[in-house]
C-alpha atoms as a PDB file:
ATOM      1  CA  MET A   1     -26.893  33.622  -0.416  1.00  0.00           C
ATOM      2  CA  LYS A   2     -25.317  31.938  -3.467  1.00  0.00           C
ATOM      3  CA  LYS A   3     -21.845  32.281  -1.974  1.00  0.00           C
ATOM      4  CA  THR A   4     -22.988  30.683   1.283  1.00  0.00           C
ATOM      5  CA  PHE A   5     -24.645  27.827  -0.600  1.00  0.00           C
ATOM      6  CA  LEU A   6     -21.550  27.236  -2.711  1.00  0.00           C
ATOM      7  CA  LEU A   7     -19.283  27.358   0.307  1.00  0.00           C
ATOM      8  CA  LEU A   8     -21.460  24.866   2.212  1.00  0.00           C
ATOM      9  CA  THR A   9     -21.610  22.585  -0.820  1.00  0.00           C
ATOM     10  CA  LEU A  10     -17.821  22.698  -1.196  1.00  0.00           C
ATOM     11  CA  LEU A  11     -17.348  21.914   2.494  1.00  0.00           C
ATOM     12  CA  LEU A  12     -19.788  19.017   2.270  1.00  0.00           C
ATOM     13  CA  PHE A  13     -18.005  17.495  -0.732  1.00  0.00           C
ATOM     14  CA  THR A  14     -14.622  18.006   0.920  1.00  0.00           C
ATOM     15  CA  PHE A  15     -15.831  16.223   4.041  1.00  0.00           C
ATOM     16  CA  ALA A  16     -17.387  13.388   2.023  1.00  0.00           C
ATOM     17  CA  TYR A  17     -14.161  12.912   0.024  1.00  0.00           C
ATOM     18  CA  ALA A  18     -12.005  12.896   3.158  1.00  0.00           C
ATOM     19  CA  THR A  19     -14.340  10.413   4.838  1.00  0.00           C
ATOM     20  CA  ALA A  20     -14.262   8.108   1.817  1.00  0.00           C
ATOM     21  CA  GLN A  21     -10.464   8.165   1.824  1.00  0.00           C
ATOM     22  CA  THR A  22     -10.325   7.014   5.451  1.00  0.00           C
ATOM     23  CA  SER A  23     -13.372   4.764   5.820  1.00  0.00           C
ATOM     24  CA  GLY A  24     -12.152   1.526   4.311  1.00  0.00           C
ATOM     25  CA  ASN A  25     -13.099   2.089   0.687  1.00  0.00           C
ATOM     26  CA  VAL A  26      -9.854   0.674  -0.668  1.00  0.00           C
ATOM     27  CA  ALA A  27     -10.346  -0.974  -4.032  1.00  0.00           C
ATOM     28  CA  ALA A  28      -9.096  -4.501  -4.575  1.00  0.00           C
ATOM     29  CA  PRO A  29      -5.973  -4.813  -6.722  1.00  0.00           C
ATOM     30  CA  SER A  30      -6.724  -4.743 -10.444  1.00  0.00           C
ATOM     31  CA  ALA A  31      -5.976  -7.600 -12.851  1.00  0.00           C
ATOM     32  CA  GLN A  32      -2.965  -5.641 -14.088  1.00  0.00           C
ATOM     33  CA  GLN A  33      -1.663  -5.176 -10.532  1.00  0.00           C
ATOM     34  CA  LEU A  34      -2.203  -8.884  -9.802  1.00  0.00           C
ATOM     35  CA  SER A  35      -0.223  -9.725 -12.906  1.00  0.00           C
ATOM     36  CA  ARG A  36       2.632  -7.415 -11.844  1.00  0.00           C
ATOM     37  CA  LEU A  37       2.624  -9.194  -8.463  1.00  0.00           C
ATOM     38  CA  GLY A  38       2.976 -12.546 -10.247  1.00  0.00           C
ATOM     39  CA  LEU A  39      -0.625 -13.503  -9.455  1.00  0.00           C
ATOM     40  CA  LYS A  40      -2.260 -13.542 -12.881  1.00  0.00           C
ATOM     41  CA  GLY A  41      -5.603 -15.354 -12.657  1.00  0.00           C
ATOM     42  CA  ALA A  42      -5.775 -15.192  -8.860  1.00  0.00           C
ATOM     43  CA  THR A  43      -9.058 -14.690  -7.072  1.00  0.00           C
ATOM     44  CA  LEU A  44      -9.292 -12.364  -4.096  1.00  0.00           C
ATOM     45  CA  GLN A  45     -11.477 -12.339  -1.022  1.00  0.00           C
ATOM     46  CA  LYS A  46     -11.517  -9.345   1.267  1.00  0.00           C
ATOM     47  CA  ALA A  47     -10.078 -10.311   4.641  1.00  0.00           C
ATOM     48  CA  HIS A  48      -9.912  -6.851   6.265  1.00  0.00           C
ATOM     49  CA  ASP A  49      -9.772  -3.229   5.182  1.00  0.00           C
ATOM     50  CA  GLY A  50      -7.020  -3.116   2.543  1.00  0.00           C
ATOM     51  CA  ILE A  51      -6.196  -6.826   2.944  1.00  0.00           C
ATOM     52  CA  TRP A  52      -7.238  -9.619   0.606  1.00  0.00           C
ATOM     53  CA  SER A  53      -6.622 -13.350   0.808  1.00  0.00           C
ATOM     54  CA  VAL A  54      -5.346 -14.751  -2.479  1.00  0.00           C
ATOM     55  CA  ARG A  55      -6.275 -18.052  -4.100  1.00  0.00           C
ATOM     56  CA  MET A  56      -4.745 -19.630  -7.145  1.00  0.00           C
ATOM     57  CA  GLY A  57      -7.355 -22.165  -8.165  1.00  0.00           C
ATOM     58  CA  LYS A  58      -8.441 -23.861  -4.950  1.00  0.00           C
ATOM     59  CA  LYS A  59      -5.129 -23.288  -3.167  1.00  0.00           C
ATOM     60  CA  LYS A  60      -4.770 -20.444  -0.686  1.00  0.00           C
ATOM     61  CA  SER A  61      -1.674 -18.554  -1.814  1.00  0.00           C
ATOM     62  CA  GLY A  62      -1.326 -15.779   0.765  1.00  0.00           C
ATOM     63  CA  HIS A  63      -2.438 -12.184   1.249  1.00  0.00           C
ATOM     64  CA  ILE A  64      -2.108  -8.841  -0.478  1.00  0.00           C
ATOM     65  CA  ILE A  65      -1.943  -5.770   1.723  1.00  0.00           C
ATOM     66  CA  ASN A  66      -2.566  -2.239   0.458  1.00  0.00           C
ATOM     67  CA  SER A  67      -0.790   0.209   2.787  1.00  0.00           C
ATOM     68  CA  THR A  68      -3.232   3.071   2.119  1.00  0.00           C
ATOM     69  CA  PRO A  69      -5.517   2.645   5.162  1.00  0.00           C
ATOM     70  CA  TYR A  70      -2.589   1.904   7.482  1.00  0.00           C
ATOM     71  CA  ALA A  71      -0.163   4.647   6.472  1.00  0.00           C
ATOM     72  CA  GLN A  72      -2.287   7.755   6.224  1.00  0.00           C
ATOM     73  CA  SER A  73       0.205   9.947   8.050  1.00  0.00           C
ATOM     74  CA  ILE A  74       3.234   8.632   6.126  1.00  0.00           C
ATOM     75  CA  ARG A  75       4.324  10.889   3.294  1.00  0.00           C
ATOM     76  CA  GLY A  76       7.011  11.145   0.687  1.00  0.00           C
ATOM     77  CA  TYR A  77       8.036  14.535  -0.683  1.00  0.00           C
ATOM     78  CA  ARG A  78       4.731  15.278  -2.445  1.00  0.00           C
ATOM     79  CA  GLY A  79       2.250  13.130  -0.543  1.00  0.00           C
ATOM     80  CA  ALA A  80       1.265   9.530   0.023  1.00  0.00           C
ATOM     81  CA  THR A  81       3.453   6.735  -1.372  1.00  0.00           C
ATOM     82  CA  PRO A  82       1.218   3.652  -1.010  1.00  0.00           C
ATOM     83  CA  VAL A  83       2.365   0.126  -1.797  1.00  0.00           C
ATOM     84  CA  LEU A  84       0.923  -3.337  -2.333  1.00  0.00           C
ATOM     85  CA  VAL A  85       2.697  -6.124  -0.454  1.00  0.00           C
ATOM     86  CA  TYR A  86       2.152  -9.795  -1.342  1.00  0.00           C
ATOM     87  CA  VAL A  87       2.901 -12.221   1.474  1.00  0.00           C
ATOM     88  CA  ASP A  88       2.628 -15.922   0.585  1.00  0.00           C
ATOM     89  CA  ALA A  89       0.799 -18.559   2.667  1.00  0.00           C
ATOM     90  CA  GLY A  90       4.042 -19.342   4.527  1.00  0.00           C
ATOM     91  CA  GLY A  91       4.439 -15.730   5.671  1.00  0.00           C
ATOM     92  CA  THR A  92       7.229 -14.792   3.250  1.00  0.00           C
ATOM     93  CA  VAL A  93       7.192 -11.449   1.483  1.00  0.00           C
ATOM     94  CA  LYS A  94       7.126 -12.356  -2.200  1.00  0.00           C
ATOM     95  CA  LYS A  95       6.584  -9.094  -4.084  1.00  0.00           C
ATOM     96  CA  LEU A  96       6.033  -5.406  -3.447  1.00  0.00           C
ATOM     97  CA  MET A  97       4.707  -2.795  -5.798  1.00  0.00           C
ATOM     98  CA  ALA A  98       4.481   0.985  -5.489  1.00  0.00           C
ATOM     99  CA  LEU A  99       1.047   2.400  -6.285  1.00  0.00           C
ATOM    100  CA  GLN A 100       0.210   5.664  -8.009  1.00  0.00           C
ATOM    101  CA  ASN A 101       1.595   8.676  -6.215  1.00  0.00           C
ATOM    102  CA  ARG A 102       2.591  12.289  -6.829  1.00  0.00           C
ATOM    103  CA  GLU A 103       6.300  11.955  -6.187  1.00  0.00           C
ATOM    104  CA  THR A 104       8.725  13.500  -8.662  1.00  0.00           C
ATOM    105  CA  PRO A 105       9.336  10.630 -11.122  1.00  0.00           C
ATOM    106  CA  GLU A 106      13.101  11.019 -11.423  1.00  0.00           C
ATOM    107  CA  TYR A 107      13.548  10.837  -7.635  1.00  0.00           C
ATOM    108  CA  PHE A 108      10.936   8.153  -7.082  1.00  0.00           C
ATOM    109  CA  GLN A 109      12.558   5.851  -9.644  1.00  0.00           C
ATOM    110  CA  ASP A 110      15.732   6.082  -7.576  1.00  0.00           C
ATOM    111  CA  ALA A 111      13.866   5.094  -4.387  1.00  0.00           C
ATOM    112  CA  GLU A 112      11.608   2.385  -5.843  1.00  0.00           C
ATOM    113  CA  PRO A 113      14.332  -0.337  -5.970  1.00  0.00           C
ATOM    114  CA  LEU A 114      14.264  -0.256  -2.150  1.00  0.00           C
ATOM    115  CA  LEU A 115      11.165  -2.429  -2.371  1.00  0.00           C
ATOM    116  CA  ARG A 116      13.312  -5.439  -3.346  1.00  0.00           C
ATOM    117  CA  ARG A 117      14.990  -5.342   0.091  1.00  0.00           C
ATOM    118  CA  TRP A 118      11.987  -7.034   1.754  1.00  0.00           C
ATOM    119  CA  VAL A 119      11.530  -9.828  -0.824  1.00  0.00           C
ATOM    120  CA  GLY A 120      12.233 -13.286   0.576  1.00  0.00           C
ATOM    121  CA  LYS A 121      12.055 -12.206   4.205  1.00  0.00           C
ATOM    122  CA  GLN A 122       9.550 -13.522   6.724  1.00  0.00           C
ATOM    123  CA  ALA A 123       6.915 -10.816   7.292  1.00  0.00           C
ATOM    124  CA  ARG A 124       7.642 -10.440  11.031  1.00  0.00           C
ATOM    125  CA  LYS A 125      11.377  -9.967  10.423  1.00  0.00           C
ATOM    126  CA  ALA A 126      10.748  -7.768   7.387  1.00  0.00           C
ATOM    127  CA  GLU A 127       8.592  -5.435   9.435  1.00  0.00           C
ATOM    128  CA  ALA A 128      11.478  -4.759  11.817  1.00  0.00           C
ATOM    129  CA  MET A 129      14.186  -4.410   9.152  1.00  0.00           C
ATOM    130  CA  ASN A 130      16.361  -1.319   9.073  1.00  0.00           C
ATOM    131  CA  VAL A 131      16.486  -0.070   5.508  1.00  0.00           C
ATOM    132  CA  ASP A 132      18.643   2.901   4.576  1.00  0.00           C
ATOM    133  CA  VAL A 133      17.168   5.688   2.477  1.00  0.00           C
ATOM    134  CA  VAL A 134      18.470   6.415  -0.990  1.00  0.00           C
ATOM    135  CA  THR A 135      20.643   9.544  -1.128  1.00  0.00           C
ATOM    136  CA  GLY A 136      18.957  12.117  -3.331  1.00  0.00           C
ATOM    137  CA  ALA A 137      15.544  10.524  -2.840  1.00  0.00           C
ATOM    138  CA  THR A 138      15.304  10.774   0.932  1.00  0.00           C
ATOM    139  CA  TYR A 139      11.641  11.741   1.272  1.00  0.00           C
ATOM    140  CA  SER A 140      10.429   9.214  -1.289  1.00  0.00           C
ATOM    141  CA  SER A 141      12.542   6.527   0.405  1.00  0.00           C
ATOM    142  CA  LYS A 142      11.145   7.331   3.824  1.00  0.00           C
ATOM    143  CA  GLY A 143       7.634   7.255   2.430  1.00  0.00           C
ATOM    144  CA  LEU A 144       8.130   3.837   0.845  1.00  0.00           C
ATOM    145  CA  ILE A 145       9.827   2.398   3.926  1.00  0.00           C
ATOM    146  CA  GLY A 146       7.044   3.691   6.159  1.00  0.00           C
ATOM    147  CA  ASN A 147       4.330   2.294   3.888  1.00  0.00           C
ATOM    148  CA  VAL A 148       5.958  -1.142   3.726  1.00  0.00           C
ATOM    149  CA  ARG A 149       6.280  -1.250   7.503  1.00  0.00           C
ATOM    150  CA  ALA A 150       2.646  -0.146   7.939  1.00  0.00           C
ATOM    151  CA  ALA A 151       1.442  -2.841   5.520  1.00  0.00           C
ATOM    152  CA  LEU A 152       3.469  -5.538   7.291  1.00  0.00           C
ATOM    153  CA  LYS A 153       2.212  -4.379  10.675  1.00  0.00           C
ATOM    154  CA  ALA A 154      -1.375  -4.645   9.349  1.00  0.00           C
ATOM    155  CA  TYR A 155      -0.560  -8.156   8.131  1.00  0.00           C
ATOM    156  CA  ARG A 156       0.731  -9.115  11.585  1.00  0.00           C
ATOM    157  CA  GLU A 157      -2.268  -7.608  13.378  1.00  0.00           C
ATOM    158  CA  HIS A 158      -5.033  -8.806  11.051  1.00  0.00           C
ATOM    159  CA  VAL A 159      -3.763 -11.981   9.403  1.00  0.00           C
ATOM    160  CA  LYS A 160      -1.073 -13.708  11.483  1.00  0.00           C
END
């Protein structure tokens, strides 16, 4: 009886955790993340699941997109490789930032510079860009590329 109860409890918690990960419970970027995106002091307003409009003072500055809800099937070598993408009010990709992941650090640090490839591009063009993977960090590269594309697709579908 105890084993059955424990098994059912474990299954219930597993289901609840999986549901929470896919039901739009994406936290807004932290003050530290905003600072790393060059948006220190910005205020955010949720626009859609994983998407926030950004204001600097009274001026609308753009949107931040978290790829997590849009790239659930995209994986690096050891799992998800989510990113934050900041697109300014004119539709230009301004900054990208990798979020916490379980990739092997020495390989991921080789792949992470790929994120600079999208900076300065219009979001629509950036979404369609062909970006080569980094030799030796193939899976991490593919994960990052897929997450950036998923975030930019979400931007196109839900913002522009």
